[in-house]
Every structure is written in C-alpha cells, then in structure tokens.
PDB file of N, CA and C in Angstrom:
ATOM      1  N   MET A   1       0.840  -1.172   0.000  1.00  0.00           N
ATOM      2  CA  MET A   1       0.000   0.000   0.000  1.00  0.00           C
ATOM      3  C   MET A   1       0.892   1.244   0.000  1.00  0.00           C
ATOM      4  N   PRO A   2       0.807   2.078  -1.037  1.00  0.00           N
ATOM      5  CA  PRO A   2       1.661   3.273  -1.094  1.00  0.00           C
ATOM      6  C   PRO A   2       1.293   4.268  -0.001  1.00  0.00           C
ATOM      7  N   THR A   3       2.325   4.946   0.477  1.00  0.00           N
ATOM      8  CA  THR A   3       2.085   5.965   1.506  1.00  0.00           C
ATOM      9  C   THR A   3       2.138   7.338   0.874  1.00  0.00           C
ATOM     10  N   LYS A   4       1.350   8.222   1.427  1.00  0.00           N
ATOM     11  CA  LYS A   4       1.290   9.598   0.937  1.00  0.00           C
ATOM     12  C   LYS A   4       2.395  10.399   1.619  1.00  0.00           C
ATOM     13  N   PRO A   5       3.195  11.162   0.851  1.00  0.00           N
ATOM     14  CA  PRO A   5       4.253  11.954   1.485  1.00  0.00           C
ATOM     15  C   PRO A   5       3.665  13.019   2.416  1.00  0.00           C
ATOM     16  N   LEU A   6       4.385  13.281   3.463  1.00  0.00           N
ATOM     17  CA  LEU A   6       3.969  14.292   4.430  1.00  0.00           C
ATOM     18  C   LEU A   6       4.143  15.679   3.824  1.00  0.00           C
ATOM     19  N   GLU A   7       3.101  16.465   3.897  1.00  0.00           N
ATOM     20  CA  GLU A   7       3.168  17.831   3.384  1.00  0.00           C
ATOM     21  C   GLU A   7       3.264  18.784   4.568  1.00  0.00           C
ATOM     22  N   ILE A   8       4.242  19.659   4.518  1.00  0.00           N
ATOM     23  CA  ILE A   8       4.394  20.670   5.567  1.00  0.00           C
ATOM     24  C   ILE A   8       3.788  21.967   5.055  1.00  0.00           C
ATOM     25  N   THR A   9       2.832  22.463   5.775  1.00  0.00           N
ATOM     26  CA  THR A   9       2.194  23.714   5.391  1.00  0.00           C
ATOM     27  C   THR A   9       2.878  24.868   6.105  1.00  0.00           C
ATOM     28  N   GLU A  10       2.517  26.073   5.721  1.00  0.00           N
ATOM     29  CA  GLU A  10       3.090  27.248   6.384  1.00  0.00           C
ATOM     30  C   GLU A  10       2.776  27.242   7.869  1.00  0.00           C
ATOM     31  N   LEU A  11       1.593  26.797   8.227  1.00  0.00           N
ATOM     32  CA  LEU A  11       1.209  26.756   9.633  1.00  0.00           C
ATOM     33  C   LEU A  11       2.144  25.833  10.408  1.00  0.00           C
ATOM     34  N   ASP A  12       2.446  24.652   9.840  1.00  0.00           N
ATOM     35  CA  ASP A  12       3.360  23.731  10.503  1.00  0.00           C
ATOM     36  C   ASP A  12       4.726  24.376  10.698  1.00  0.00           C
ATOM     37  N   GLU A  13       5.203  25.075   9.688  1.00  0.00           N
ATOM     38  CA  GLU A  13       6.506  25.722   9.781  1.00  0.00           C
ATOM     39  C   GLU A  13       6.492  26.793  10.861  1.00  0.00           C
ATOM     40  N   GLU A  14       5.400  27.529  10.968  1.00  0.00           N
ATOM     41  CA  GLU A  14       5.300  28.569  11.986  1.00  0.00           C
ATOM     42  C   GLU A  14       5.320  27.950  13.379  1.00  0.00           C
ATOM     43  N   VAL A  15       4.631  26.840  13.553  1.00  0.00           N
ATOM     44  CA  VAL A  15       4.621  26.167  14.849  1.00  0.00           C
ATOM     45  C   VAL A  15       6.023  25.702  15.202  1.00  0.00           C
ATOM     46  N   ILE A  16       6.741  25.153  14.234  1.00  0.00           N
ATOM     47  CA  ILE A  16       8.092  24.668  14.473  1.00  0.00           C
ATOM     48  C   ILE A  16       9.017  25.819  14.890  1.00  0.00           C
ATOM     49  N   THR A  17       8.938  26.950  14.203  1.00  0.00           N
ATOM     50  CA  THR A  17       9.848  28.059  14.500  1.00  0.00           C
ATOM     51  C   THR A  17       9.437  28.825  15.747  1.00  0.00           C
ATOM     52  N   GLN A  18       8.174  28.769  16.125  1.00  0.00           N
ATOM     53  CA  GLN A  18       7.703  29.504  17.290  1.00  0.00           C
ATOM     54  C   GLN A  18       7.760  28.665  18.560  1.00  0.00           C
ATOM     55  N   GLU A  19       8.031  27.375  18.416  1.00  0.00           N
ATOM     56  CA  GLU A  19       8.013  26.475  19.559  1.00  0.00           C
ATOM     57  C   GLU A  19       9.035  26.913  20.607  1.00  0.00           C
ATOM     58  N   PRO A  20       8.647  26.888  21.882  1.00  0.00           N
ATOM     59  CA  PRO A  20       9.600  27.287  22.921  1.00  0.00           C
ATOM     60  C   PRO A  20      10.779  26.316  22.976  1.00  0.00           C
ATOM     61  N   ALA A  21      11.949  26.877  23.141  1.00  0.00           N
ATOM     62  CA  ALA A  21      13.171  26.080  23.201  1.00  0.00           C
ATOM     63  C   ALA A  21      14.110  26.743  24.201  1.00  0.00           C
ATOM     64  N   LYS A  22      15.202  26.048  24.499  1.00  0.00           N
ATOM     65  CA  LYS A  22      16.201  26.634  25.390  1.00  0.00           C
ATOM     66  C   LYS A  22      17.583  26.192  24.950  1.00  0.00           C
ATOM     67  N   VAL A  23      18.553  27.033  25.296  1.00  0.00           N
ATOM     68  CA  VAL A  23      19.955  26.748  24.985  1.00  0.00           C
ATOM     69  C   VAL A  23      20.634  26.310  26.274  1.00  0.00           C
ATOM     70  N   ILE A  24      21.227  25.128  26.215  1.00  0.00           N
ATOM     71  CA  ILE A  24      21.987  24.599  27.342  1.00  0.00           C
ATOM     72  C   ILE A  24      23.471  24.797  27.028  1.00  0.00           C
ATOM     73  N   LEU A  25      24.195  25.383  27.966  1.00  0.00           N
ATOM     74  CA  LEU A  25      25.640  25.565  27.834  1.00  0.00           C
ATOM     75  C   LEU A  25      26.324  24.619  28.806  1.00  0.00           C
ATOM     76  N   PHE A  26      27.319  23.886  28.308  1.00  0.00           N
ATOM     77  CA  PHE A  26      28.042  22.909  29.113  1.00  0.00           C
ATOM     78  C   PHE A  26      29.381  23.468  29.574  1.00  0.00           C
ATOM     79  N   ASN A  27      29.772  23.090  30.776  1.00  0.00           N
ATOM     80  CA  ASN A  27      31.055  23.487  31.319  1.00  0.00           C
ATOM     81  C   ASN A  27      32.179  22.734  30.609  1.00  0.00           C
ATOM     82  N   ASP A  28      33.327  23.360  30.494  1.00  0.00           N
ATOM     83  CA  ASP A  28      34.511  22.672  29.973  1.00  0.00           C
ATOM     84  C   ASP A  28      35.736  23.173  30.713  1.00  0.00           C
ATOM     85  N   GLU A  29      36.827  22.529  30.483  1.00  0.00           N
ATOM     86  CA  GLU A  29      38.088  22.897  31.135  1.00  0.00           C
ATOM     87  C   GLU A  29      38.990  23.661  30.177  1.00  0.00           C
ATOM     88  N   VAL A  30      38.441  24.120  29.063  1.00  0.00           N
ATOM     89  CA  VAL A  30      39.236  24.775  28.025  1.00  0.00           C
ATOM     90  C   VAL A  30      39.129  26.295  28.107  1.00  0.00           C
ATOM     91  N   HIS A  31      37.921  26.800  28.275  1.00  0.00           N
ATOM     92  CA  HIS A  31      37.678  28.240  28.230  1.00  0.00           C
ATOM     93  C   HIS A  31      37.778  28.870  29.613  1.00  0.00           C
ATOM     94  N   THR A  32      38.285  30.091  29.629  1.00  0.00           N
ATOM     95  CA  THR A  32      38.353  30.822  30.892  1.00  0.00           C
ATOM     96  C   THR A  32      36.981  31.366  31.247  1.00  0.00           C
ATOM     97  N   PHE A  33      36.839  31.711  32.503  1.00  0.00           N
ATOM     98  CA  PHE A  33      35.584  32.291  32.979  1.00  0.00           C
ATOM     99  C   PHE A  33      35.276  33.577  32.211  1.00  0.00           C
ATOM    100  N   ASP A  34      36.300  34.384  31.978  1.00  0.00           N
ATOM    101  CA  ASP A  34      36.119  35.641  31.244  1.00  0.00           C
ATOM    102  C   ASP A  34      35.683  35.404  29.807  1.00  0.00           C
ATOM    103  N   GLU A  35      36.266  34.406  29.148  1.00  0.00           N
ATOM    104  CA  GLU A  35      35.867  34.094  27.765  1.00  0.00           C
ATOM    105  C   GLU A  35      34.389  33.722  27.693  1.00  0.00           C
ATOM    106  N   VAL A  36      33.951  32.896  28.633  1.00  0.00           N
ATOM    107  CA  VAL A  36      32.548  32.471  28.653  1.00  0.00           C
ATOM    108  C   VAL A  36      31.639  33.655  28.937  1.00  0.00           C
ATOM    109  N   THR A  37      32.020  34.482  29.878  1.00  0.00           N
ATOM    110  CA  THR A  37      31.213  35.655  30.233  1.00  0.00           C
ATOM    111  C   THR A  37      31.082  36.611  29.048  1.00  0.00           C
ATOM    112  N   ILE A  38      32.167  36.874  28.371  1.00  0.00           N
ATOM    113  CA  ILE A  38      32.142  37.769  27.208  1.00  0.00           C
ATOM    114  C   ILE A  38      31.271  37.189  26.103  1.00  0.00           C
ATOM    115  N   GLN A  39      31.392  35.893  25.847  1.00  0.00           N
ATOM    116  CA  GLN A  39      30.620  35.277  24.774  1.00  0.00           C
ATOM    117  C   GLN A  39      29.136  35.230  25.126  1.00  0.00           C
ATOM    118  N   LEU A  40      28.810  34.988  26.385  1.00  0.00           N
ATOM    119  CA  LEU A  40      27.404  35.023  26.809  1.00  0.00           C
ATOM    120  C   LEU A  40      26.817  36.416  26.618  1.00  0.00           C
ATOM    121  N   THR A  41      27.579  37.440  26.993  1.00  0.00           N
ATOM    122  CA  THR A  41      27.124  38.819  26.814  1.00  0.00           C
ATOM    123  C   THR A  41      26.822  39.089  25.342  1.00  0.00           C
ATOM    124  N   LYS A  42      27.696  38.623  24.479  1.00  0.00           N
ATOM    125  CA  LYS A  42      27.522  38.790  23.035  1.00  0.00           C
ATOM    126  C   LYS A  42      26.321  37.990  22.513  1.00  0.00           C
ATOM    127  N   ALA A  43      26.179  36.748  22.972  1.00  0.00           N
ATOM    128  CA  ALA A  43      25.148  35.847  22.443  1.00  0.00           C
ATOM    129  C   ALA A  43      23.737  36.229  22.861  1.00  0.00           C
ATOM    130  N   ILE A  44      23.572  36.587  24.133  1.00  0.00           N
ATOM    131  CA  ILE A  44      22.213  36.849  24.608  1.00  0.00           C
ATOM    132  C   ILE A  44      21.969  38.319  24.922  1.00  0.00           C
ATOM    133  N   ARG A  45      22.973  39.144  24.636  1.00  0.00           N
ATOM    134  CA  ARG A  45      22.850  40.598  24.803  1.00  0.00           C
ATOM    135  C   ARG A  45      22.353  40.965  26.201  1.00  0.00           C
ATOM    136  N   CYS A  46      23.116  40.487  27.164  1.00  0.00           N
ATOM    137  CA  CYS A  46      22.763  40.755  28.556  1.00  0.00           C
ATOM    138  C   CYS A  46      23.873  41.565  29.213  1.00  0.00           C
ATOM    139  N   THR A  47      23.632  41.947  30.451  1.00  0.00           N
ATOM    140  CA  THR A  47      24.649  42.682  31.196  1.00  0.00           C
ATOM    141  C   THR A  47      25.796  41.745  31.565  1.00  0.00           C
ATOM    142  N   HIS A  48      26.921  42.359  31.890  1.00  0.00           N
ATOM    143  CA  HIS A  48      28.077  41.566  32.311  1.00  0.00           C
ATOM    144  C   HIS A  48      27.753  40.772  33.574  1.00  0.00           C
ATOM    145  N   SER A  49      27.033  41.386  34.503  1.00  0.00           N
ATOM    146  CA  SER A  49      26.719  40.681  35.756  1.00  0.00           C
ATOM    147  C   SER A  49      25.784  39.501  35.517  1.00  0.00           C
ATOM    148  N   LYS A  50      24.834  39.631  34.584  1.00  0.00           N
ATOM    149  CA  LYS A  50      23.949  38.509  34.244  1.00  0.00           C
ATOM    150  C   LYS A  50      24.766  37.381  33.603  1.00  0.00           C
ATOM    151  N   ALA A  51      25.660  37.724  32.685  1.00  0.00           N
ATOM    152  CA  ALA A  51      26.501  36.721  32.029  1.00  0.00           C
ATOM    153  C   ALA A  51      27.398  36.031  33.050  1.00  0.00           C
ATOM    154  N   GLU A  52      27.907  36.791  33.986  1.00  0.00           N
ATOM    155  CA  GLU A  52      28.756  36.233  35.036  1.00  0.00           C
ATOM    156  C   GLU A  52      27.976  35.240  35.897  1.00  0.00           C
ATOM    157  N   SER A  53      26.749  35.598  36.237  1.00  0.00           N
ATOM    158  CA  SER A  53      25.886  34.718  37.023  1.00  0.00           C
ATOM    159  C   SER A  53      25.598  33.409  36.271  1.00  0.00           C
ATOM    160  N   LEU A  54      25.306  33.519  34.983  1.00  0.00           N
ATOM    161  CA  LEU A  54      25.061  32.324  34.166  1.00  0.00           C
ATOM    162  C   LEU A  54      26.318  31.464  34.065  1.00  0.00           C
ATOM    163  N   ALA A  55      27.467  32.104  33.897  1.00  0.00           N
ATOM    164  CA  ALA A  55      28.726  31.364  33.813  1.00  0.00           C
ATOM    165  C   ALA A  55      28.997  30.603  35.109  1.00  0.00           C
ATOM    166  N   TRP A  56      28.682  31.210  36.246  1.00  0.00           N
ATOM    167  CA  TRP A  56      28.849  30.521  37.527  1.00  0.00           C
ATOM    168  C   TRP A  56      27.916  29.322  37.618  1.00  0.00           C
ATOM    169  N   ASP A  57      26.673  29.474  37.142  1.00  0.00           N
ATOM    170  CA  ASP A  57      25.732  28.343  37.136  1.00  0.00           C
ATOM    171  C   ASP A  57      26.290  27.188  36.314  1.00  0.00           C
ATOM    172  N   VAL A  58      26.818  27.510  35.134  1.00  0.00           N
ATOM    173  CA  VAL A  58      27.408  26.486  34.266  1.00  0.00           C
ATOM    174  C   VAL A  58      28.591  25.835  34.980  1.00  0.00           C
ATOM    175  N   HIS A  59      29.445  26.644  35.559  1.00  0.00           N
ATOM    176  CA  HIS A  59      30.641  26.145  36.241  1.00  0.00           C
ATOM    177  C   HIS A  59      30.276  25.234  37.419  1.00  0.00           C
ATOM    178  N   ASN A  60      29.337  25.672  38.230  1.00  0.00           N
ATOM    179  CA  ASN A  60      28.986  24.930  39.447  1.00  0.00           C
ATOM    180  C   ASN A  60      28.145  23.685  39.190  1.00  0.00           C
ATOM    181  N   ASN A  61      27.331  23.692  38.137  1.00  0.00           N
ATOM    182  CA  ASN A  61      26.406  22.583  37.880  1.00  0.00           C
ATOM    183  C   ASN A  61      26.793  21.715  36.685  1.00  0.00           C
ATOM    184  N   GLY A  62      27.841  22.098  35.976  1.00  0.00           N
ATOM    185  CA  GLY A  62      28.249  21.326  34.814  1.00  0.00           C
ATOM    186  C   GLY A  62      27.535  21.724  33.537  1.00  0.00           C
ATOM    187  N   LYS A  63      26.373  22.343  33.683  1.00  0.00           N
ATOM    188  CA  LYS A  63      25.601  22.857  32.552  1.00  0.00           C
ATOM    189  C   LYS A  63      24.499  23.742  33.100  1.00  0.00           C
ATOM    190  N   ALA A  64      23.941  24.581  32.224  1.00  0.00           N
ATOM    191  CA  ALA A  64      22.834  25.441  32.633  1.00  0.00           C
ATOM    192  C   ALA A  64      22.099  25.941  31.398  1.00  0.00           C
ATOM    193  N   ALA A  65      20.808  26.185  31.569  1.00  0.00           N
ATOM    194  CA  ALA A  65      20.025  26.828  30.519  1.00  0.00           C
ATOM    195  C   ALA A  65      20.381  28.309  30.555  1.00  0.00           C
ATOM    196  N   VAL A  66      20.920  28.819  29.450  1.00  0.00           N
ATOM    197  CA  VAL A  66      21.367  30.206  29.422  1.00  0.00           C
ATOM    198  C   VAL A  66      20.457  31.100  28.598  1.00  0.00           C
ATOM    199  N   TYR A  67      19.525  30.496  27.858  1.00  0.00           N
ATOM    200  CA  TYR A  67      18.589  31.286  27.059  1.00  0.00           C
ATOM    201  C   TYR A  67      17.356  30.439  26.768  1.00  0.00           C
ATOM    202  N   GLY A  68      16.211  31.089  26.726  1.00  0.00           N
ATOM    203  CA  GLY A  68      14.968  30.426  26.351  1.00  0.00           C
ATOM    204  C   GLY A  68      14.165  31.319  25.437  1.00  0.00           C
ATOM    205  N   GLY A  69      13.535  30.729  24.429  1.00  0.00           N
ATOM    206  CA  GLY A  69      12.726  31.509  23.496  1.00  0.00           C
ATOM    207  C   GLY A  69      12.391  30.704  22.257  1.00  0.00           C
ATOM    208  N   GLU A  70      12.123  31.419  21.170  1.00  0.00           N
ATOM    209  CA  GLU A  70      11.789  30.765  19.909  1.00  0.00           C
ATOM    210  C   GLU A  70      12.964  29.924  19.425  1.00  0.00           C
ATOM    211  N   LEU A  71      12.648  28.832  18.754  1.00  0.00           N
ATOM    212  CA  LEU A  71      13.670  27.899  18.292  1.00  0.00           C
ATOM    213  C   LEU A  71      14.722  28.579  17.417  1.00  0.00           C
ATOM    214  N   LEU A  72      14.299  29.406  16.469  1.00  0.00           N
ATOM    215  CA  LEU A  72      15.268  30.048  15.584  1.00  0.00           C
ATOM    216  C   LEU A  72      16.216  30.967  16.351  1.00  0.00           C
ATOM    217  N   LYS A  73      15.695  31.687  17.318  1.00  0.00           N
ATOM    218  CA  LYS A  73      16.548  32.563  18.132  1.00  0.00           C
ATOM    219  C   LYS A  73      17.507  31.731  18.975  1.00  0.00           C
ATOM    220  N   CYS A  74      17.024  30.602  19.488  1.00  0.00           N
ATOM    221  CA  CYS A  74      17.901  29.710  20.253  1.00  0.00           C
ATOM    222  C   CYS A  74      19.034  29.190  19.381  1.00  0.00           C
ATOM    223  N   MET A  75      18.731  28.880  18.132  1.00  0.00           N
ATOM    224  CA  MET A  75      19.769  28.412  17.216  1.00  0.00           C
ATOM    225  C   MET A  75      20.813  29.510  16.984  1.00  0.00           C
ATOM    226  N   GLU A  76      20.354  30.755  16.883  1.00  0.00           N
ATOM    227  CA  GLU A  76      21.276  31.882  16.713  1.00  0.00           C
ATOM    228  C   GLU A  76      22.178  32.035  17.934  1.00  0.00           C
ATOM    229  N   VAL A  77      21.579  31.991  19.117  1.00  0.00           N
ATOM    230  CA  VAL A  77      22.346  32.120  20.365  1.00  0.00           C
ATOM    231  C   VAL A  77      23.375  30.999  20.463  1.00  0.00           C
ATOM    232  N   SER A  78      22.947  29.791  20.170  1.00  0.00           N
ATOM    233  CA  SER A  78      23.854  28.643  20.193  1.00  0.00           C
ATOM    234  C   SER A  78      25.018  28.846  19.227  1.00  0.00           C
ATOM    235  N   GLY A  79      24.718  29.359  18.052  1.00  0.00           N
ATOM    236  CA  GLY A  79      25.759  29.606  17.056  1.00  0.00           C
ATOM    237  C   GLY A  79      26.796  30.608  17.532  1.00  0.00           C
ATOM    238  N   VAL A  80      26.360  31.659  18.200  1.00  0.00           N
ATOM    239  CA  VAL A  80      27.296  32.658  18.722  1.00  0.00           C
ATOM    240  C   VAL A  80      28.169  32.041  19.818  1.00  0.00           C
ATOM    241  N   LEU A  81      27.564  31.262  20.693  1.00  0.00           N
ATOM    242  CA  LEU A  81      28.350  30.617  21.746  1.00  0.00           C
ATOM    243  C   LEU A  81      29.370  29.644  21.159  1.00  0.00           C
ATOM    244  N   GLU A  82      28.989  28.962  20.096  1.00  0.00           N
ATOM    245  CA  GLU A  82      29.875  27.976  19.484  1.00  0.00           C
ATOM    246  C   GLU A  82      30.970  28.606  18.619  1.00  0.00           C
ATOM    247  N   GLU A  83      30.905  29.931  18.402  1.00  0.00           N
ATOM    248  CA  GLU A  83      31.965  30.611  17.653  1.00  0.00           C
ATOM    249  C   GLU A  83      33.329  30.399  18.298  1.00  0.00           C
ATOM    250  N   ILE A  84      33.351  30.260  19.618  1.00  0.00           N
ATOM    251  CA  ILE A  84      34.623  30.021  20.308  1.00  0.00           C
ATOM    252  C   ILE A  84      34.696  28.573  20.816  1.00  0.00           C
ATOM    253  N   GLN A  85      33.939  27.704  20.187  1.00  0.00           N
ATOM    254  CA  GLN A  85      33.922  26.279  20.484  1.00  0.00           C
ATOM    255  C   GLN A  85      33.372  25.926  21.862  1.00  0.00           C
ATOM    256  N   LEU A  86      32.458  26.758  22.380  1.00  0.00           N
ATOM    257  CA  LEU A  86      31.736  26.354  23.579  1.00  0.00           C
ATOM    258  C   LEU A  86      30.759  25.253  23.171  1.00  0.00           C
ATOM    259  N   MET A  87      30.482  24.332  24.081  1.00  0.00           N
ATOM    260  CA  MET A  87      29.584  23.226  23.775  1.00  0.00           C
ATOM    261  C   MET A  87      28.170  23.586  24.225  1.00  0.00           C
ATOM    262  N   THR A  88      27.233  23.526  23.279  1.00  0.00           N
ATOM    263  CA  THR A  88      25.846  23.861  23.587  1.00  0.00           C
ATOM    264  C   THR A  88      24.923  22.768  23.061  1.00  0.00           C
ATOM    265  N   GLN A  89      23.694  22.863  23.509  1.00  0.00           N
ATOM    266  CA  GLN A  89      22.633  21.981  23.033  1.00  0.00           C
ATOM    267  C   GLN A  89      21.352  22.787  23.048  1.00  0.00           C
ATOM    268  N   VAL A  90      20.555  22.678  21.987  1.00  0.00           N
ATOM    269  CA  VAL A  90      19.260  23.342  21.938  1.00  0.00           C
ATOM    270  C   VAL A  90      18.199  22.282  22.216  1.00  0.00           C
ATOM    271  N   GLU A  91      17.379  22.525  23.208  1.00  0.00           N
ATOM    272  CA  GLU A  91      16.307  21.594  23.573  1.00  0.00           C
ATOM    273  C   GLU A  91      14.971  22.246  23.301  1.00  0.00           C
ATOM    274  N   VAL A  92      14.073  21.482  22.697  1.00  0.00           N
ATOM    275  CA  VAL A  92      12.716  21.959  22.447  1.00  0.00           C
ATOM    276  C   VAL A  92      11.826  21.497  23.576  1.00  0.00           C
ATOM    277  N   ALA A  93      11.086  22.433  24.131  1.00  0.00           N
ATOM    278  CA  ALA A  93      10.242  22.129  25.287  1.00  0.00           C
ATOM    279  C   ALA A  93       9.064  21.255  24.936  1.00  0.00           C
TER     280      ALA A  93
END
C-alpha cells in the first residue's frame, strides 16, 4: 500500500519556529571564565553581571540553561556561543 508523502504547510513551519526552546551551555576545562562571560554577553545581549551569574551556574552545575525563546533565536544564540567552540545543546520544550 503506497504511503502519501507528508506535506508541511506554512502553519506547521510557523509552529516549528515559534516552539519554545532553550539553549543549554556545558562546562569545559578549556575556556576561561572571562571568555565564557564575554561570549554570553555577546550571544544573549545581557549585562556583564547577568553573564557572570550564568557562567557561575554552568561552572557549578556542569551545565545550565542560558537562554529560552523561539527555536530560531535559540539556534542563533547557540551559534554565537559555538563561535569560540563552547559546547551547547538546543532543547525543544
């Protein structure tokens, strides 16, 4: 019995791109605290103190959610963090 190919409509695409997601940043032994703080400030456009707080969360817990929002924006944030080879993961809620 032949199967009908799945058709993605504009509505489906909108749901996919609007779906809530989050960026997880993982701790490593390669980057300095300052490097991570600077890159977080650049990626999520936050204050230095907010980036510092997030970096401490990552350092103390091994990983932390550093951004939440639309999937496409999360992919952008992840890309900026990965510019200096930070390890990230985007999770869809």
